[in-house]
Amino acid sequence: MITPAARSTEPARRRSGTIAAHAVMALFVVYFLLPFWWLLVAATKDNDGLFGSHPLWFADLHLFDNLRLLFTQDDGLYLRWLGNSALYAVTSGVGATAIAALAGYAFAKLRFPGRNALFALLLGLIMVPATALVLPTYLLMAEAGLINSVWAVILPSLLNPFGVYLLRVYAHDSVPDEMLEAARIDGAGELRVFRSVALPAMRPALVTVLLFSMVATWNNFFLPLVMLSDQNLYPLTVGLRSWYLSATIGNGGPALFNVIVVGSLVAIVPLIVAFLLLQRYWRGGLTIGALK
């Protein structure tokens, strides 16, 4: 039997638990936002101000001067790197999503010999770090004569085992077999069934895989570092590193660390814009449970 005293202490326990949970979440928010805040503040300082006091607060605002230096440094080389990153990310993201959609749908809804063995192999590939495959990939690209070209970055990025797994799981639950059978009875071929029935139901997962693939390619550093030697083909990650090495070593040029910092800030803006534009498509479970 619950006593009145126990009933009175239960809301207090819930309030204390809620306060503790909110405090922990607030700590995590500060932990994750603190590097971004430092980057935002540092981007407004000149080269001398970066090494002065108050690293987490604004001093003299030099943001527009830093942006002007950024886009004019080395005859506008940063803009070329920005275009390269956009090319690699969009091409690899769309291609990887298309391949993952076809493979995920096939694993979920089609029956073919060796399906379970291939899917088990796919799960094993998810466990392999991407950096461990860079050197073997380099040897393959060297045999194909694709080293120091855009294809050396794009082609390896088209393979996304996690995207295939995610779309396989989502297609299994969100695409009813009855809808596929009805389309086949109406005379639609497998490609038409996939395009007209499966793809609309898989749209939230497709957008998720597209964003993950684009972000992974945009932030990729080791693969283009190994594959590319022409600075005109560098993405932002490798290009900013080359500027940082030049500023650190001091090879006769000015050590413009403020340009590197503001370049890092500009580099994350397209990712933020992509998330804001595509987040409205994240609506899961559109057809799950539609048929009984």
Protein backbone atom coordinates (compact mmCIF):
# COMPACT_ATOMS: atom_id res chain seq x y z
CA MET A 1 0.00 0.00 0.00
CA ILE A 2 1.34 3.45 -1.00
CA THR A 3 1.37 5.87 1.89
CA PRO A 4 0.59 9.62 1.52
CA ALA A 5 4.23 10.44 2.34
CA ALA A 6 5.42 8.26 -0.56
CA ARG A 7 2.98 9.98 -2.90
CA SER A 8 4.29 13.40 -1.89
CA THR A 9 7.94 12.46 -2.47
CA GLU A 10 7.34 10.95 -5.92
CA PRO A 11 6.85 14.32 -7.76
CA ALA A 12 9.97 15.67 -6.04
CA ARG A 13 11.99 12.73 -7.32
CA ARG A 14 10.69 13.28 -10.83
CA ARG A 15 11.60 16.96 -10.70
CA SER A 16 15.11 16.21 -9.44
CA GLY A 17 15.58 13.60 -12.17
CA THR A 18 14.37 16.06 -14.82
CA ILE A 19 16.72 18.77 -13.54
CA ALA A 20 19.67 16.35 -13.58
CA ALA A 21 18.86 15.21 -17.12
CA HIS A 22 18.61 18.81 -18.34
CA ALA A 23 21.90 19.67 -16.64
CA VAL A 24 23.66 16.78 -18.39
CA MET A 25 22.19 17.78 -21.75
CA ALA A 26 23.28 21.38 -21.18
CA LEU A 27 26.84 20.21 -20.52
CA PHE A 28 26.83 18.22 -23.76
CA VAL A 29 25.49 21.22 -25.67
CA VAL A 30 28.29 23.39 -24.33
CA TYR A 31 30.84 20.68 -25.11
CA PHE A 32 29.75 20.39 -28.74
CA LEU A 33 29.18 24.09 -29.40
CA LEU A 34 32.35 25.40 -27.76
CA PRO A 35 34.66 24.58 -30.74
CA PHE A 36 32.22 26.21 -33.15
CA TRP A 37 31.99 29.28 -30.93
CA TRP A 38 35.79 29.54 -30.84
CA LEU A 39 35.93 29.27 -34.63
CA LEU A 40 33.27 31.96 -35.02
CA VAL A 41 35.10 34.32 -32.66
CA ALA A 42 38.54 33.60 -34.13
CA ALA A 43 37.29 34.30 -37.66
CA THR A 44 36.66 37.93 -36.66
CA LYS A 45 40.24 38.56 -35.49
CA ASP A 46 43.32 39.56 -37.38
CA ASN A 47 46.52 37.54 -37.40
CA ASP A 48 47.86 39.18 -34.23
CA GLY A 49 44.56 39.03 -32.39
CA LEU A 50 44.41 35.24 -32.72
CA PHE A 51 47.31 34.90 -30.31
CA GLY A 52 46.17 37.60 -27.91
CA SER A 53 43.91 37.45 -24.88
CA HIS A 54 40.20 36.62 -24.74
CA PRO A 55 40.20 33.64 -27.12
CA LEU A 56 36.45 33.06 -26.58
CA TRP A 57 35.22 36.62 -27.01
CA PHE A 58 35.21 39.23 -29.74
CA ALA A 59 37.81 41.99 -29.94
CA ASP A 60 38.32 44.16 -33.02
CA LEU A 61 36.10 42.86 -35.81
CA HIS A 62 38.13 42.00 -38.92
CA LEU A 63 35.74 39.45 -40.44
CA PHE A 64 35.26 41.22 -43.77
CA ASP A 65 38.98 41.92 -44.08
CA ASN A 66 39.67 38.24 -43.45
CA LEU A 67 37.10 37.23 -46.07
CA ARG A 68 38.67 39.57 -48.60
CA LEU A 69 42.11 38.07 -47.91
CA LEU A 70 40.66 34.57 -48.10
CA PHE A 71 39.14 34.97 -51.56
CA THR A 72 42.13 36.83 -52.99
CA GLN A 73 44.90 34.69 -51.52
CA ASP A 74 46.94 32.91 -54.24
CA ASP A 75 44.75 34.39 -56.99
CA GLY A 76 41.51 33.07 -55.54
CA LEU A 77 42.71 29.50 -55.02
CA TYR A 78 40.25 29.01 -52.17
CA LEU A 79 37.31 29.39 -54.56
CA ARG A 80 38.74 26.61 -56.70
CA TRP A 81 39.07 24.39 -53.65
CA LEU A 82 35.50 25.25 -52.68
CA GLY A 83 34.27 24.27 -56.15
CA ASN A 84 36.28 21.03 -56.01
CA SER A 85 34.74 20.09 -52.66
CA ALA A 86 31.26 20.84 -54.02
CA LEU A 87 31.93 18.72 -57.11
CA TYR A 88 33.27 15.79 -55.10
CA ALA A 89 30.49 15.96 -52.48
CA VAL A 90 27.52 16.36 -54.85
CA THR A 91 28.71 13.82 -57.41
CA SER A 92 29.72 11.24 -54.82
CA GLY A 93 26.63 11.86 -52.69
CA VAL A 94 24.14 11.45 -55.54
CA GLY A 95 26.00 8.47 -56.99
CA ALA A 96 26.41 6.72 -53.65
CA THR A 97 22.72 7.28 -52.84
CA ALA A 98 21.60 5.87 -56.19
CA ILE A 99 23.77 2.77 -55.81
CA ALA A 100 22.71 2.29 -52.18
CA ALA A 101 19.03 2.63 -53.14
CA LEU A 102 19.25 -0.03 -55.84
CA ALA A 103 21.25 -2.41 -53.67
CA GLY A 104 19.15 -1.83 -50.55
CA TYR A 105 15.90 -2.42 -52.42
CA ALA A 106 17.31 -5.58 -54.00
CA PHE A 107 18.43 -6.97 -50.63
CA ALA A 108 15.06 -6.15 -49.04
CA LYS A 109 12.53 -7.15 -51.70
CA LEU A 110 14.14 -9.40 -54.30
CA ARG A 111 15.12 -13.05 -54.02
CA PHE A 112 18.35 -14.11 -55.70
CA PRO A 113 21.07 -16.71 -55.04
CA GLY A 114 23.65 -15.68 -52.47
CA ARG A 115 21.61 -12.81 -51.08
CA ASN A 116 22.25 -13.64 -47.42
CA ALA A 117 25.96 -14.25 -48.00
CA LEU A 118 26.36 -10.96 -49.83
CA PHE A 119 24.49 -9.10 -47.11
CA ALA A 120 26.70 -10.67 -44.45
CA LEU A 121 29.73 -9.52 -46.45
CA LEU A 122 28.22 -6.05 -46.58
CA LEU A 123 27.86 -5.99 -42.79
CA GLY A 124 31.52 -6.96 -42.54
CA LEU A 125 32.53 -4.07 -44.81
CA ILE A 126 30.79 -1.64 -42.47
CA MET A 127 33.24 -2.66 -39.73
CA VAL A 128 36.31 -1.90 -41.86
CA PRO A 129 37.68 1.64 -41.31
CA ALA A 130 37.66 3.70 -44.49
CA THR A 131 41.28 4.76 -43.95
CA ALA A 132 42.38 1.12 -44.05
CA LEU A 133 41.16 0.90 -47.66
CA VAL A 134 42.89 4.03 -48.93
CA LEU A 135 46.23 2.45 -49.82
CA PRO A 136 44.70 -0.57 -51.65
CA THR A 137 42.42 1.87 -53.44
CA TYR A 138 45.45 3.94 -54.42
CA LEU A 139 47.08 0.89 -56.00
CA LEU A 140 43.90 0.13 -57.96
CA MET A 141 43.61 3.72 -59.16
CA ALA A 142 47.27 3.70 -60.14
CA GLU A 143 46.72 0.59 -62.26
CA ALA A 144 43.77 2.33 -63.93
CA GLY A 145 45.79 5.50 -64.54
CA LEU A 146 43.38 7.67 -62.53
CA ILE A 147 45.78 9.03 -59.92
CA ASN A 148 45.75 12.83 -59.57
CA SER A 149 42.33 13.18 -61.19
CA VAL A 150 38.84 13.92 -59.90
CA TRP A 151 37.85 10.29 -60.49
CA ALA A 152 40.40 9.14 -57.93
CA VAL A 153 38.27 10.86 -55.28
CA ILE A 154 34.79 10.33 -56.72
CA LEU A 155 34.88 6.63 -57.63
CA PRO A 156 35.92 5.29 -54.17
CA SER A 157 33.31 7.55 -52.55
CA LEU A 158 30.49 5.93 -54.52
CA LEU A 159 30.61 2.85 -52.30
CA ASN A 160 28.66 3.34 -49.09
CA PRO A 161 28.04 0.02 -47.27
CA PHE A 162 26.27 1.73 -44.37
CA GLY A 163 23.94 3.47 -46.81
CA VAL A 164 23.05 0.13 -48.41
CA TYR A 165 22.35 -1.34 -44.98
CA LEU A 166 20.22 1.63 -43.93
CA LEU A 167 18.15 1.58 -47.12
CA ARG A 168 17.75 -2.18 -46.94
CA VAL A 169 16.30 -1.94 -43.42
CA TYR A 170 14.09 1.01 -44.34
CA ALA A 171 12.81 -0.56 -47.57
CA HIS A 172 11.99 -3.78 -45.73
CA ASP A 173 9.67 -1.91 -43.33
CA SER A 174 8.36 0.99 -45.40
CA VAL A 175 7.63 -0.64 -48.78
CA PRO A 176 4.69 -3.09 -48.43
CA ASP A 177 4.96 -6.25 -50.49
CA GLU A 178 1.29 -5.89 -51.41
CA MET A 179 1.99 -2.60 -53.23
CA LEU A 180 4.82 -4.20 -55.19
CA GLU A 181 2.68 -7.18 -56.16
CA ALA A 182 -0.17 -4.89 -57.25
CA ALA A 183 2.20 -2.96 -59.49
CA ARG A 184 3.57 -6.17 -61.00
CA ILE A 185 0.04 -7.45 -61.64
CA ASP A 186 -0.69 -4.19 -63.48
CA GLY A 187 2.18 -5.03 -65.82
CA ALA A 188 4.95 -2.84 -64.43
CA GLY A 189 8.50 -4.12 -64.77
CA GLU A 190 10.92 -4.28 -61.89
CA LEU A 191 12.57 -0.99 -62.77
CA ARG A 192 9.18 0.72 -63.01
CA VAL A 193 8.11 -0.82 -59.70
CA PHE A 194 11.30 0.44 -58.07
CA ARG A 195 11.00 3.93 -59.52
CA SER A 196 7.25 4.47 -59.03
CA VAL A 197 6.49 2.53 -55.85
CA ALA A 198 9.63 1.98 -53.80
CA LEU A 199 11.49 5.27 -54.27
CA PRO A 200 8.68 7.58 -53.02
CA ALA A 201 8.31 5.48 -49.86
CA MET A 202 12.08 5.45 -49.31
CA ARG A 203 12.51 9.23 -49.67
CA PRO A 204 13.30 10.01 -45.99
CA ALA A 205 16.01 7.35 -45.91
CA LEU A 206 17.32 8.49 -49.30
CA VAL A 207 17.76 12.03 -48.01
CA THR A 208 19.52 10.68 -44.92
CA VAL A 209 21.97 8.64 -46.99
CA LEU A 210 22.49 11.58 -49.36
CA LEU A 211 23.38 13.91 -46.49
CA PHE A 212 25.67 11.38 -44.82
CA SER A 213 27.46 10.67 -48.09
CA MET A 214 27.87 14.36 -48.95
CA VAL A 215 29.15 15.23 -45.47
CA ALA A 216 31.57 12.28 -45.48
CA THR A 217 32.98 13.29 -48.88
CA TRP A 218 33.09 16.99 -47.99
CA ASN A 219 35.05 16.25 -44.80
CA ASN A 220 37.21 13.53 -46.34
CA PHE A 221 40.88 14.28 -45.89
CA PHE A 222 43.04 11.18 -46.15
CA LEU A 223 41.72 9.92 -49.49
CA PRO A 224 42.31 13.14 -51.49
CA LEU A 225 45.59 13.67 -49.65
CA VAL A 226 46.87 10.33 -50.98
CA MET A 227 45.28 10.54 -54.44
CA LEU A 228 46.00 14.14 -55.44
CA SER A 229 49.23 16.06 -55.94
CA ASP A 230 47.94 18.99 -58.02
CA GLN A 231 46.78 21.79 -55.72
CA ASN A 232 44.22 22.88 -58.32
CA LEU A 233 42.39 19.59 -57.62
CA TYR A 234 42.53 19.83 -53.82
CA PRO A 235 39.31 19.92 -51.81
CA LEU A 236 39.04 22.36 -48.92
CA THR A 237 40.36 19.91 -46.33
CA VAL A 238 43.64 19.28 -48.12
CA GLY A 239 43.96 22.85 -49.39
CA LEU A 240 43.62 24.42 -45.95
CA ARG A 241 46.19 21.94 -44.65
CA SER A 242 48.66 23.06 -47.30
CA TRP A 243 48.16 26.69 -46.22
CA TYR A 244 48.59 25.69 -42.59
CA LEU A 245 51.86 23.91 -43.34
CA SER A 246 53.10 26.95 -45.24
CA ALA A 247 52.17 29.22 -42.34
CA THR A 248 53.79 26.89 -39.80
CA ILE A 249 57.00 26.29 -41.70
CA GLY A 250 57.25 29.90 -42.87
CA ASN A 251 58.55 29.32 -46.38
CA GLY A 252 59.08 32.97 -47.21
CA GLY A 253 55.39 33.96 -47.18
CA PRO A 254 53.24 35.64 -44.52
CA ALA A 255 51.84 33.39 -41.79
CA LEU A 256 48.18 34.23 -42.33
CA PHE A 257 46.54 32.05 -39.70
CA ASN A 258 43.49 34.32 -39.75
CA VAL A 259 42.91 33.36 -43.39
CA ILE A 260 43.05 29.66 -42.49
CA VAL A 261 40.59 30.13 -39.62
CA VAL A 262 38.05 32.08 -41.66
CA GLY A 263 38.47 29.53 -44.46
CA SER A 264 37.52 26.79 -41.99
CA LEU A 265 34.44 28.76 -40.99
CA VAL A 266 33.34 29.28 -44.60
CA ALA A 267 33.91 25.56 -45.27
CA ILE A 268 31.14 24.50 -42.88
CA VAL A 269 28.54 26.96 -44.21
CA PRO A 270 27.51 24.76 -47.21
CA LEU A 271 26.94 21.82 -44.87
CA ILE A 272 24.68 23.90 -42.64
CA VAL A 273 22.74 25.12 -45.68
CA ALA A 274 22.37 21.55 -46.99
CA PHE A 275 20.94 20.35 -43.68
CA LEU A 276 18.52 23.27 -43.48
CA LEU A 277 17.28 22.74 -47.04
CA LEU A 278 16.86 18.97 -46.80
CA GLN A 279 15.57 18.55 -43.27
CA ARG A 280 11.94 18.97 -44.35
CA TYR A 281 12.22 15.71 -46.28
CA TRP A 282 13.01 13.75 -43.12
CA ARG A 283 9.63 12.23 -42.47
CA GLY A 284 9.90 8.60 -41.57
CA GLY A 285 7.30 5.88 -41.58
CA LEU A 286 5.07 7.27 -44.32
CA THR A 287 3.75 3.86 -45.30
CA ILE A 288 4.71 1.73 -42.29
CA GLY A 289 1.51 0.26 -40.96
CA ALA A 290 -0.56 1.56 -43.88
CA LEU A 291 -1.61 -1.98 -44.75
CA LYS A 292 -2.75 -4.61 -42.27
